[in-house]
Amino acid sequence: MPDTSAERPTPPAASAVGGVLLGLGVGALGTATHLNAAPLAGAWTLPWGAALALLLAGSAQWWWMRRTADAGGRALPAGAAVAVGAFTAALALCRLPATDRLGLPWTPDVFAAMPGAALASVAWIAGLPVLGVVLPALAARGGRRGPRRTERVPWAEAPNPHHRREVDGQS
């Protein structure tokens, strides 16, 4: 049976639901990772977990927008769905009861006691909506609306120069 997936565009609801599910997974992974930090000289820390979590969220959102556009769907709502799912998961996991919380409260005491971890928490939670706005804007500016055009190879369409005659399955 021939593959007709390239001929039919992806339904908007399917790309949105898939984007939200992808975003929920990315948000959960990013929330679990964002508070990892490496100590530097003095009281400074390098919040590599927040940087990795934002890189994961941004690359997943960009990939989903490209995949949706290549399938003939609308990339902007699909990318927004990933951002909404990731932000929802991050907020939900950071607002769990105090003993199960995966984030830090944004209080002056926390900022004074753990400035690096507080910065990582703010960067993660505030960075998700920024990614949700910036990446779709970049995709819209690039003009990627439909499937990618493949390069045509001239020799692939040329007929076989040697005529073969088949008779009863023999050549």
Protein backbone atom coordinates (compact mmCIF):
# COMPACT_ATOMS: atom_id res chain seq x y z
CA MET A 1 0.00 0.00 0.00
CA PRO A 2 1.50 3.39 -0.92
CA ASP A 3 2.40 5.88 1.79
CA THR A 4 -0.02 8.81 1.60
CA SER A 5 1.07 10.57 4.79
CA ALA A 6 2.86 13.29 2.82
CA GLU A 7 -0.34 14.08 0.92
CA ARG A 8 -2.60 14.56 3.95
CA PRO A 9 -1.89 17.43 6.34
CA THR A 10 -1.70 16.72 10.04
CA PRO A 11 -4.99 17.62 11.77
CA PRO A 12 -4.56 20.64 14.06
CA ALA A 13 -6.04 18.80 17.04
CA ALA A 14 -3.56 15.93 16.68
CA SER A 15 -0.55 18.22 16.54
CA ALA A 16 -1.84 20.23 19.51
CA VAL A 17 -2.53 17.17 21.66
CA GLY A 18 0.81 15.65 20.71
CA GLY A 19 2.51 18.96 21.50
CA VAL A 20 0.88 19.21 24.94
CA LEU A 21 1.89 15.61 25.75
CA LEU A 22 5.45 16.26 24.58
CA GLY A 23 5.49 19.46 26.61
CA LEU A 24 4.29 17.69 29.75
CA GLY A 25 7.16 15.21 29.46
CA VAL A 26 9.72 17.92 28.76
CA GLY A 27 8.38 20.02 31.63
CA ALA A 28 8.67 17.10 34.04
CA LEU A 29 12.23 16.28 32.94
CA GLY A 30 13.27 19.91 33.02
CA THR A 31 11.79 20.48 36.46
CA ALA A 32 13.63 17.45 37.80
CA THR A 33 16.89 18.74 36.27
CA HIS A 34 16.78 22.51 36.68
CA LEU A 35 18.17 22.78 40.23
CA ASN A 36 21.47 21.02 39.43
CA ALA A 37 24.40 23.39 39.80
CA ALA A 38 28.18 23.26 39.89
CA PRO A 39 30.00 25.23 42.59
CA LEU A 40 32.40 27.89 41.38
CA ALA A 41 34.92 30.05 43.22
CA GLY A 42 33.44 31.84 46.19
CA ALA A 43 29.68 31.69 46.70
CA TRP A 44 28.91 31.47 42.97
CA THR A 45 27.32 28.46 41.33
CA LEU A 46 26.84 27.57 37.69
CA PRO A 47 23.17 26.60 37.15
CA TRP A 48 23.87 24.05 34.45
CA GLY A 49 20.64 22.18 35.20
CA ALA A 50 18.49 25.19 34.29
CA ALA A 51 20.48 25.74 31.10
CA LEU A 52 20.11 22.06 30.15
CA ALA A 53 16.39 22.08 30.97
CA LEU A 54 15.79 25.19 28.83
CA LEU A 55 17.84 23.67 26.00
CA LEU A 56 15.71 20.52 26.21
CA ALA A 57 12.46 22.51 26.20
CA GLY A 58 13.54 24.76 23.33
CA SER A 59 14.84 21.93 21.16
CA ALA A 60 11.71 19.82 21.76
CA GLN A 61 9.49 22.77 20.86
CA TRP A 62 11.51 23.57 17.74
CA TRP A 63 11.55 19.90 16.67
CA TRP A 64 7.77 19.59 17.12
CA MET A 65 7.15 22.75 15.08
CA ARG A 66 9.40 21.48 12.27
CA ARG A 67 7.82 18.03 12.35
CA THR A 68 4.33 19.51 12.20
CA ALA A 69 5.28 21.87 9.37
CA ASP A 70 6.90 19.02 7.41
CA ALA A 71 3.69 17.01 7.78
CA GLY A 72 1.68 19.88 6.30
CA GLY A 73 0.31 21.17 9.59
CA ARG A 74 0.50 24.56 11.26
CA ALA A 75 3.75 24.93 13.19
CA LEU A 76 2.85 27.88 15.41
CA PRO A 77 -0.05 26.30 17.32
CA ALA A 78 1.94 23.09 17.64
CA GLY A 79 4.89 24.94 19.16
CA ALA A 80 2.62 26.87 21.48
CA ALA A 81 1.09 23.58 22.65
CA VAL A 82 4.54 22.27 23.62
CA ALA A 83 5.24 25.47 25.57
CA VAL A 84 1.87 25.28 27.37
CA GLY A 85 2.43 21.65 28.31
CA ALA A 86 5.96 22.28 29.60
CA PHE A 87 4.91 25.33 31.61
CA THR A 88 1.93 23.48 33.09
CA ALA A 89 4.09 20.54 34.19
CA ALA A 90 6.76 22.84 35.63
CA LEU A 91 4.25 24.86 37.63
CA ALA A 92 2.44 21.77 38.87
CA LEU A 93 5.65 20.07 40.03
CA CYS A 94 6.98 23.23 41.67
CA ARG A 95 3.70 23.79 43.56
CA LEU A 96 3.45 20.35 45.16
CA PRO A 97 3.29 20.15 48.97
CA ALA A 98 6.52 21.25 50.66
CA THR A 99 7.89 17.74 51.21
CA ASP A 100 7.44 16.73 47.55
CA ARG A 101 8.23 20.04 45.84
CA LEU A 102 10.67 20.03 42.91
CA GLY A 103 11.16 23.80 42.90
CA LEU A 104 12.01 26.56 45.31
CA PRO A 105 9.69 29.21 46.70
CA TRP A 106 10.62 32.69 45.54
CA THR A 107 11.05 34.34 48.92
CA PRO A 108 13.75 36.78 50.06
CA ASP A 109 15.04 34.19 52.55
CA VAL A 110 15.58 31.60 49.81
CA PHE A 111 17.29 34.17 47.58
CA ALA A 112 19.62 35.13 50.46
CA ALA A 113 20.42 31.55 51.49
CA MET A 114 20.73 29.94 48.01
CA PRO A 115 21.17 32.61 45.34
CA GLY A 116 22.33 30.17 42.63
CA ALA A 117 19.46 27.74 43.15
CA ALA A 118 16.95 30.59 43.33
CA LEU A 119 18.34 32.00 40.07
CA ALA A 120 18.01 28.57 38.44
CA SER A 121 14.41 28.29 39.61
CA VAL A 122 13.52 31.73 38.25
CA ALA A 123 15.35 31.05 34.98
CA TRP A 124 13.46 27.78 34.47
CA ILE A 125 9.98 29.00 35.30
CA ALA A 126 10.35 32.39 33.57
CA GLY A 127 12.31 30.96 30.64
CA LEU A 128 9.54 28.62 29.51
CA PRO A 129 7.09 31.38 28.50
CA VAL A 130 9.95 33.27 26.86
CA LEU A 131 10.74 30.20 24.76
CA GLY A 132 7.01 29.82 24.06
CA VAL A 133 6.95 33.28 22.49
CA VAL A 134 10.41 33.56 20.90
CA LEU A 135 10.62 30.23 19.06
CA PRO A 136 7.23 30.46 17.30
CA ALA A 137 8.09 34.06 16.37
CA LEU A 138 11.36 32.87 14.83
CA ALA A 139 9.53 30.09 12.99
CA ALA A 140 6.93 32.54 11.65
CA ARG A 141 9.64 34.94 10.55
CA GLY A 142 11.39 32.13 8.69
CA GLY A 143 8.25 31.48 6.65
CA ARG A 144 8.14 27.71 7.21
CA ARG A 145 4.49 26.99 6.52
CA GLY A 146 4.38 23.73 4.64
CA PRO A 147 6.37 20.60 3.99
CA ARG A 148 10.01 20.82 3.05
CA ARG A 149 10.73 20.75 -0.64
CA THR A 150 13.05 17.95 -1.65
CA GLU A 151 15.70 18.53 -4.23
CA ARG A 152 14.96 16.93 -7.57
CA VAL A 153 17.69 14.72 -8.93
CA PRO A 154 17.70 14.90 -12.76
CA TRP A 155 19.16 11.45 -13.34
CA ALA A 156 16.49 9.79 -11.16
CA GLU A 157 13.77 10.64 -13.66
CA ALA A 158 15.68 9.63 -16.78
CA PRO A 159 14.52 6.43 -18.46
CA ASN A 160 16.76 3.42 -18.48
CA PRO A 161 19.06 3.77 -21.52
CA HIS A 162 19.15 0.00 -22.04
CA HIS A 163 15.83 -1.44 -23.02
CA ARG A 164 15.07 -4.71 -21.25
CA ARG A 165 12.48 -7.05 -22.58
CA GLU A 166 10.77 -9.39 -20.16
CA VAL A 167 9.03 -12.48 -21.35
CA ASP A 168 7.32 -14.72 -18.83
CA GLY A 169 9.36 -13.35 -15.92
CA GLN A 170 12.71 -13.84 -17.70
CA SER A 171 14.90 -11.00 -18.80
